[in-house]
C-alpha atoms as a PDB file:
ATOM      1  CA  MET A   1      -8.657   0.740 -10.585  1.00  0.00           C
ATOM      2  CA  MET A   2      -8.086   4.290 -10.549  1.00  0.00           C
ATOM      3  CA  ILE A   3      -4.346   3.514  -9.379  1.00  0.00           C
ATOM      4  CA  TYR A   4      -4.204   0.470 -11.026  1.00  0.00           C
ATOM      5  CA  THR A   5      -4.518   2.532 -14.507  1.00  0.00           C
ATOM      6  CA  ASP A   6      -1.974   4.957 -13.145  1.00  0.00           C
ATOM      7  CA  ILE A   7       0.210   2.276 -13.165  1.00  0.00           C
ATOM      8  CA  VAL A   8      -0.439   0.957 -16.564  1.00  0.00           C
ATOM      9  CA  LYS A   9       0.003   4.376 -18.037  1.00  0.00           C
ATOM     10  CA  GLU A  10       3.270   5.168 -15.614  1.00  0.00           C
ATOM     11  CA  ALA A  11       5.033   1.469 -16.855  1.00  0.00           C
ATOM     12  CA  SER A  12       3.841   2.060 -21.032  1.00  0.00           C
ATOM     13  CA  ALA A  13       5.431   5.565 -20.706  1.00  0.00           C
ATOM     14  CA  PHE A  14       8.791   3.980 -19.212  1.00  0.00           C
ATOM     15  CA  TYR A  15       8.633   0.834 -21.718  1.00  0.00           C
ATOM     16  CA  SER A  16       7.187   2.641 -24.731  1.00  0.00           C
ATOM     17  CA  SER A  17      10.790   3.825 -25.966  1.00  0.00           C
ATOM     18  CA  ILE A  18      12.536   0.710 -24.881  1.00  0.00           C
ATOM     19  CA  CYS A  19      10.120  -2.039 -25.964  1.00  0.00           C
ATOM     20  CA  PRO A  20      10.713  -3.475 -29.536  1.00  0.00           C
ATOM     21  CA  ALA A  21       7.669  -3.027 -31.975  1.00  0.00           C
ATOM     22  CA  GLU A  22       8.361  -6.381 -33.564  1.00  0.00           C
ATOM     23  CA  THR A  23       5.371  -8.756 -32.288  1.00  0.00           C
ATOM     24  CA  ALA A  24       8.115 -12.009 -31.438  1.00  0.00           C
ATOM     25  CA  ALA A  25      10.154  -9.975 -29.336  1.00  0.00           C
ATOM     26  CA  ALA A  26       7.351  -7.839 -27.577  1.00  0.00           C
ATOM     27  CA  LYS A  27       5.700 -10.567 -26.630  1.00  0.00           C
ATOM     28  CA  ILE A  28       9.114 -11.981 -24.866  1.00  0.00           C
ATOM     29  CA  SER A  29       9.425  -8.820 -23.618  1.00  0.00           C
ATOM     30  CA  MET A  30       5.646  -8.067 -22.134  1.00  0.00           C
ATOM     31  CA  SER A  31       6.076 -11.509 -20.663  1.00  0.00           C
ATOM     32  CA  ASN A  32       9.379 -10.573 -18.785  1.00  0.00           C
ATOM     33  CA  ILE A  33       7.656  -7.214 -17.230  1.00  0.00           C
ATOM     34  CA  GLY A  34       4.578  -8.499 -16.505  1.00  0.00           C
ATOM     35  CA  LYS A  35       6.492 -11.473 -14.640  1.00  0.00           C
ATOM     36  CA  THR A  36       9.007  -9.254 -12.927  1.00  0.00           C
ATOM     37  CA  LEU A  37       6.632  -6.309 -11.715  1.00  0.00           C
ATOM     38  CA  VAL A  38       4.342  -8.958 -10.365  1.00  0.00           C
ATOM     39  CA  GLU A  39       6.460 -11.002  -8.511  1.00  0.00           C
ATOM     40  CA  GLN A  40       8.089  -7.753  -6.819  1.00  0.00           C
ATOM     41  CA  PHE A  41       4.491  -5.888  -6.297  1.00  0.00           C
ATOM     42  CA  PRO A  42       2.009  -9.390  -6.060  1.00  0.00           C
ATOM     43  CA  VAL A  43      -0.839  -6.352  -5.592  1.00  0.00           C
ATOM     44  CA  LEU A  44      -0.632  -6.139  -9.687  1.00  0.00           C
ATOM     45  CA  ALA A  45      -1.484 -10.013  -9.885  1.00  0.00           C
ATOM     46  CA  VAL A  46      -5.502 -10.970 -11.389  1.00  0.00           C
ATOM     47  CA  SER A  47      -6.168 -14.101 -10.577  1.00  0.00           C
ATOM     48  CA  GLY A  48      -8.638 -16.136 -13.002  1.00  0.00           C
ATOM     49  CA  HIS A  49      -6.349 -15.454 -15.797  1.00  0.00           C
ATOM     50  CA  GLN A  50      -3.847 -18.111 -17.277  1.00  0.00           C
ATOM     51  CA  ASN A  51      -0.799 -16.349 -15.530  1.00  0.00           C
ATOM     52  CA  PRO A  52      -0.966 -13.940 -12.442  1.00  0.00           C
ATOM     53  CA  TRP A  53       0.513 -11.149 -14.563  1.00  0.00           C
ATOM     54  CA  SER A  54      -1.257 -11.858 -17.978  1.00  0.00           C
ATOM     55  CA  TYR A  55      -4.339  -8.976 -16.893  1.00  0.00           C
ATOM     56  CA  PHE A  56      -1.409  -6.861 -16.202  1.00  0.00           C
ATOM     57  CA  ASN A  57       0.766  -7.073 -19.730  1.00  0.00           C
ATOM     58  CA  ASP A  58      -2.485  -7.133 -21.426  1.00  0.00           C
ATOM     59  CA  LYS A  59      -3.514  -3.117 -19.839  1.00  0.00           C
ATOM     60  CA  LEU A  60       0.372  -2.816 -20.771  1.00  0.00           C
ATOM     61  CA  SER A  61       0.169  -4.132 -23.627  1.00  0.00           C
ATOM     62  CA  SER A  62      -2.981  -2.298 -25.269  1.00  0.00           C
ATOM     63  CA  ALA A  63      -1.240   1.020 -23.391  1.00  0.00           C
ATOM     64  CA  LEU A  64       1.769   0.752 -25.538  1.00  0.00           C
ATOM     65  CA  ARG A  65       0.039   0.266 -28.471  1.00  0.00           C
ATOM     66  CA  ASN A  66      -2.312   3.033 -28.384  1.00  0.00           C
ATOM     67  CA  THR A  67       1.175   5.168 -27.228  1.00  0.00           C
ATOM     68  CA  ARG A  68       2.257   4.408 -30.630  1.00  0.00           C
ATOM     69  CA  CYS A  69      -0.587   5.019 -32.738  1.00  0.00           C
ATOM     70  CA  ARG A  70      -0.948   8.246 -31.401  1.00  0.00           C
ATOM     71  CA  MET A  71       2.895   8.862 -32.203  1.00  0.00           C
ATOM     72  CA  LYS A  72       2.603   7.349 -35.722  1.00  0.00           C
ATOM     73  CA  ARG A  73      -0.881  10.273 -36.186  1.00  0.00           C
ATOM     74  CA  LYS A  74       1.018  12.991 -34.525  1.00  0.00           C
ATOM     75  CA  LEU A  75       3.889  12.101 -36.887  1.00  0.00           C
ATOM     76  CA  ALA A  76       1.767  11.504 -39.416  1.00  0.00           C
ATOM     77  CA  GLY A  77       0.366  15.046 -38.802  1.00  0.00           C
ATOM     78  CA  LEU A  78      -3.268  13.511 -38.531  1.00  0.00           C
ATOM     79  CA  PRO A  79      -5.699  14.868 -36.408  1.00  0.00           C
ATOM     80  CA  PRO A  80      -6.053  12.984 -33.098  1.00  0.00           C
ATOM     81  CA  GLY A  81      -8.970  10.452 -32.881  1.00  0.00           C
ATOM     82  CA  SER A  82     -10.243  11.486 -30.013  1.00  0.00           C
ATOM     83  CA  THR A  83     -12.608  14.381 -29.109  1.00  0.00           C
ATOM     84  CA  SER A  84     -10.282  16.190 -26.797  1.00  0.00           C
ATOM     85  CA  GLN A  85      -7.198  18.687 -28.217  1.00  0.00           C
ATOM     86  CA  VAL A  86      -5.887  18.695 -25.474  1.00  0.00           C
ATOM     87  CA  PRO A  87      -3.158  16.031 -24.588  1.00  0.00           C
ATOM     88  CA  LYS A  88      -3.563  13.754 -21.607  1.00  0.00           C
ATOM     89  CA  LYS A  89      -0.486  14.225 -18.956  1.00  0.00           C
ATOM     90  CA  LEU A  90       0.999  10.368 -18.035  1.00  0.00           C
ATOM     91  CA  ARG A  91       1.771  12.060 -14.721  1.00  0.00           C
ATOM     92  CA  VAL A  92       0.670  14.275 -12.192  1.00  0.00           C
ATOM     93  CA  ILE A  93       3.019  15.909 -10.153  1.00  0.00           C
ATOM     94  CA  GLN A  94       2.161  18.012  -6.930  1.00  0.00           C
ATOM     95  CA  PRO A  95       5.979  18.655  -5.169  1.00  0.00           C
ATOM     96  CA  PRO A  96       4.707  17.901  -1.446  1.00  0.00           C
ATOM     97  CA  THR A  97       7.942  20.043  -0.576  1.00  0.00           C
ATOM     98  CA  ASP A  98      11.121  22.173  -2.149  1.00  0.00           C
ATOM     99  CA  GLU A  99      14.063  20.498  -3.253  1.00  0.00           C
ATOM    100  CA  ILE A 100      16.536  19.926  -0.869  1.00  0.00           C
ATOM    101  CA  SER A 101      20.199  20.853  -1.212  1.00  0.00           C
ATOM    102  CA  GLU A 102      22.745  17.963  -2.719  1.00  0.00           C
ATOM    103  CA  ASP A 103      24.200  17.182   0.206  1.00  0.00           C
ATOM    104  CA  ALA A 104      20.759  17.163   2.043  1.00  0.00           C
ATOM    105  CA  TYR A 105      19.399  14.426  -0.520  1.00  0.00           C
ATOM    106  CA  ALA A 106      22.877  12.667  -0.757  1.00  0.00           C
ATOM    107  CA  ARG A 107      22.034  11.872   3.289  1.00  0.00           C
ATOM    108  CA  HIS A 108      18.467  11.165   2.890  1.00  0.00           C
ATOM    109  CA  VAL A 109      18.987   8.852   0.286  1.00  0.00           C
ATOM    110  CA  ALA A 110      21.878   6.791   2.208  1.00  0.00           C
ATOM    111  CA  ALA A 111      19.932   7.155   5.498  1.00  0.00           C
ATOM    112  CA  LEU A 112      16.443   5.735   3.270  1.00  0.00           C
ATOM    113  CA  LYS A 113      19.450   2.808   2.238  1.00  0.00           C
ATOM    114  CA  ALA A 114      20.028   2.180   5.381  1.00  0.00           C
ATOM    115  CA  GLU A 115      16.676   1.837   7.346  1.00  0.00           C
ATOM    116  CA  ALA A 116      16.088  -0.407   3.781  1.00  0.00           C
ATOM    117  CA  CYS A 117      18.636  -2.960   4.701  1.00  0.00           C
ATOM    118  CA  LYS A 118      16.983  -3.233   9.064  1.00  0.00           C
ATOM    119  CA  THR A 119      15.092  -6.442   9.743  1.00  0.00           C
ATOM    120  CA  ARG A 120      12.616  -3.732  11.057  1.00  0.00           C
ATOM    121  CA  PRO A 121      13.204  -0.261   9.452  1.00  0.00           C
ATOM    122  CA  ASP A 122      10.959   2.680  10.789  1.00  0.00           C
ATOM    123  CA  LEU A 123       8.782   2.821   7.862  1.00  0.00           C
ATOM    124  CA  THR A 124       7.963   6.331   9.589  1.00  0.00           C
ATOM    125  CA  HIS A 125      10.997   7.677   9.308  1.00  0.00           C
ATOM    126  CA  MET A 126      11.469   5.927   5.746  1.00  0.00           C
ATOM    127  CA  LYS A 127       8.122   7.894   4.525  1.00  0.00           C
ATOM    128  CA  SER A 128       9.607  11.490   6.434  1.00  0.00           C
ATOM    129  CA  LEU A 129      12.760  10.772   4.472  1.00  0.00           C
ATOM    130  CA  LEU A 130      10.761  10.004   0.762  1.00  0.00           C
ATOM    131  CA  HIS A 131       8.455  13.210   1.947  1.00  0.00           C
ATOM    132  CA  GLN A 132      11.864  15.513   1.852  1.00  0.00           C
ATOM    133  CA  THR A 133      13.437  14.005  -0.619  1.00  0.00           C
ATOM    134  CA  HIS A 134      10.437  14.113  -3.284  1.00  0.00           C
ATOM    135  CA  VAL A 135      11.504  16.836  -5.789  1.00  0.00           C
ATOM    136  CA  ASN A 136      14.695  15.362  -6.152  1.00  0.00           C
ATOM    137  CA  ARG A 137      13.627  12.006  -6.496  1.00  0.00           C
ATOM    138  CA  ARG A 138      11.873  12.989  -9.300  1.00  0.00           C
ATOM    139  CA  LYS A 139      14.099  15.571 -11.009  1.00  0.00           C
ATOM    140  CA  TRP A 140      16.834  12.964 -10.855  1.00  0.00           C
ATOM    141  CA  ILE A 141      14.230  10.268 -12.804  1.00  0.00           C
ATOM    142  CA  ASP A 142      12.949  12.746 -15.443  1.00  0.00           C
ATOM    143  CA  GLY A 143      16.351  13.933 -16.400  1.00  0.00           C
ATOM    144  CA  LYS A 144      17.436  10.833 -16.954  1.00  0.00           C
ATOM    145  CA  PRO A 145      16.421   9.629 -21.034  1.00  0.00           C
ATOM    146  CA  SER A 146      14.262   6.227 -20.339  1.00  0.00           C
ATOM    147  CA  THR A 147      17.127   4.087 -22.256  1.00  0.00           C
ATOM    148  CA  GLU A 148      19.781   4.858 -19.255  1.00  0.00           C
ATOM    149  CA  LEU A 149      16.764   4.555 -16.842  1.00  0.00           C
ATOM    150  CA  ARG A 150      16.042   0.636 -15.669  1.00  0.00           C
ATOM    151  CA  LEU A 151      13.925   0.029 -13.237  1.00  0.00           C
ATOM    152  CA  ALA A 152      17.013  -1.898 -11.482  1.00  0.00           C
ATOM    153  CA  THR A 153      18.528   1.432 -11.478  1.00  0.00           C
ATOM    154  CA  VAL A 154      15.866   3.454  -9.615  1.00  0.00           C
ATOM    155  CA  LEU A 155      15.213   0.461  -6.789  1.00  0.00           C
ATOM    156  CA  GLU A 156      19.314   0.141  -6.498  1.00  0.00           C
ATOM    157  CA  GLU A 157      18.949   4.328  -5.524  1.00  0.00           C
ATOM    158  CA  TYR A 158      15.885   3.972  -4.006  1.00  0.00           C
ATOM    159  CA  THR A 159      15.761   0.040  -1.984  1.00  0.00           C
ATOM    160  CA  CYS A 160      12.982   0.983  -0.021  1.00  0.00           C
ATOM    161  CA  PHE A 161      10.792   0.690  -2.942  1.00  0.00           C
ATOM    162  CA  HIS A 162      11.062  -3.168  -2.388  1.00  0.00           C
ATOM    163  CA  ASN A 163       8.853  -2.592   0.412  1.00  0.00           C
ATOM    164  CA  PRO A 164       4.957  -1.866  -0.975  1.00  0.00           C
ATOM    165  CA  GLU A 165       4.263   0.325   1.654  1.00  0.00           C
ATOM    166  CA  MET A 166       6.830   2.226   0.000  1.00  0.00           C
ATOM    167  CA  LEU A 167       5.944   2.339  -2.493  1.00  0.00           C
ATOM    168  CA  LEU A 168       2.443   3.035  -2.084  1.00  0.00           C
ATOM    169  CA  GLU A 169       3.638   6.033  -0.104  1.00  0.00           C
ATOM    170  CA  GLU A 170       5.269   7.320  -3.758  1.00  0.00           C
ATOM    171  CA  PHE A 171       2.031   7.227  -4.948  1.00  0.00           C
ATOM    172  CA  ARG A 172      -0.170   8.692  -2.676  1.00  0.00           C
ATOM    173  CA  PHE A 173       2.502  11.832  -3.038  1.00  0.00           C
ATOM    174  CA  PHE A 174       0.715  11.904  -6.993  1.00  0.00           C
ATOM    175  CA  LYS A 175      -2.889  11.013  -6.479  1.00  0.00           C
ATOM    176  CA  GLY A 176      -3.294  11.918  -2.934  1.00  0.00           C
ATOM    177  CA  SER A 177      -3.672   9.114   0.013  1.00  0.00           C
ATOM    178  CA  ASP A 178      -7.824   8.879  -0.672  1.00  0.00           C
ATOM    179  CA  VAL A 179      -7.358   7.158  -3.647  1.00  0.00           C
ATOM    180  CA  VAL A 180      -4.717   5.296  -2.562  1.00  0.00           C
ATOM    181  CA  ASP A 181      -5.620   4.153   1.203  1.00  0.00           C
ATOM    182  CA  LYS A 182      -8.939   3.011  -0.563  1.00  0.00           C
ATOM    183  CA  PHE A 183      -6.875   1.333  -3.320  1.00  0.00           C
ATOM    184  CA  ALA A 184      -6.736  -2.889  -2.438  1.00  0.00           C
ATOM    185  CA  GLY A 185      -5.956  -4.421  -6.032  1.00  0.00           C
ATOM    186  CA  PHE A 186      -7.314  -7.347  -6.305  1.00  0.00           C
ATOM    187  CA  TYR A 187      -6.928  -8.606  -2.715  1.00  0.00           C
ATOM    188  CA  ASP A 188      -9.516  -8.325  -0.368  1.00  0.00           C
ATOM    189  CA  CYS A 189      -6.526  -7.458   2.610  1.00  0.00           C
ATOM    190  CA  PRO A 190      -6.132  -3.965   3.845  1.00  0.00           C
ATOM    191  CA  LEU A 191      -3.165  -1.811   2.342  1.00  0.00           C
ATOM    192  CA  ARG A 192      -1.906  -0.710   6.304  1.00  0.00           C
END
């Protein structure tokens, strides 16, 4: 559940500035977001709900409401409703390597794309390339405003994230192997 919560927090941070606040438009957007993410990453689906994506949508909607409420309080100068005065971080970034040169970064990204397009990609090689490019990738992602950075843009640049194992490898950089390897979503099948 920790990974699931982190995924919702990341999605909330990403969609908070681009998701409409109007109720009708927000419901349509949330439905589209949930469908797309669950289709791409089935481990996020939860059985026993109206739709496989409805649980994710409920959690994301709640996180977006909480984020907007905190922003309104902050803008109005009201004290936060929590006991802690220290704001929570949405991301825990612990870079696994140092930043590499732009030439090396471009070569590694091209190699990742080429490997991801193969029918039998070498996952070990892809993980190594992800590890080496992590700092540059986070700098690229964090350097773009959320209005310009869409999920499609990230997936176009890093086609390897269509592979769930590569996406989990990226989460390992944030949360550590122990947390990610124990996470199995709502399925009984192992991740590896």
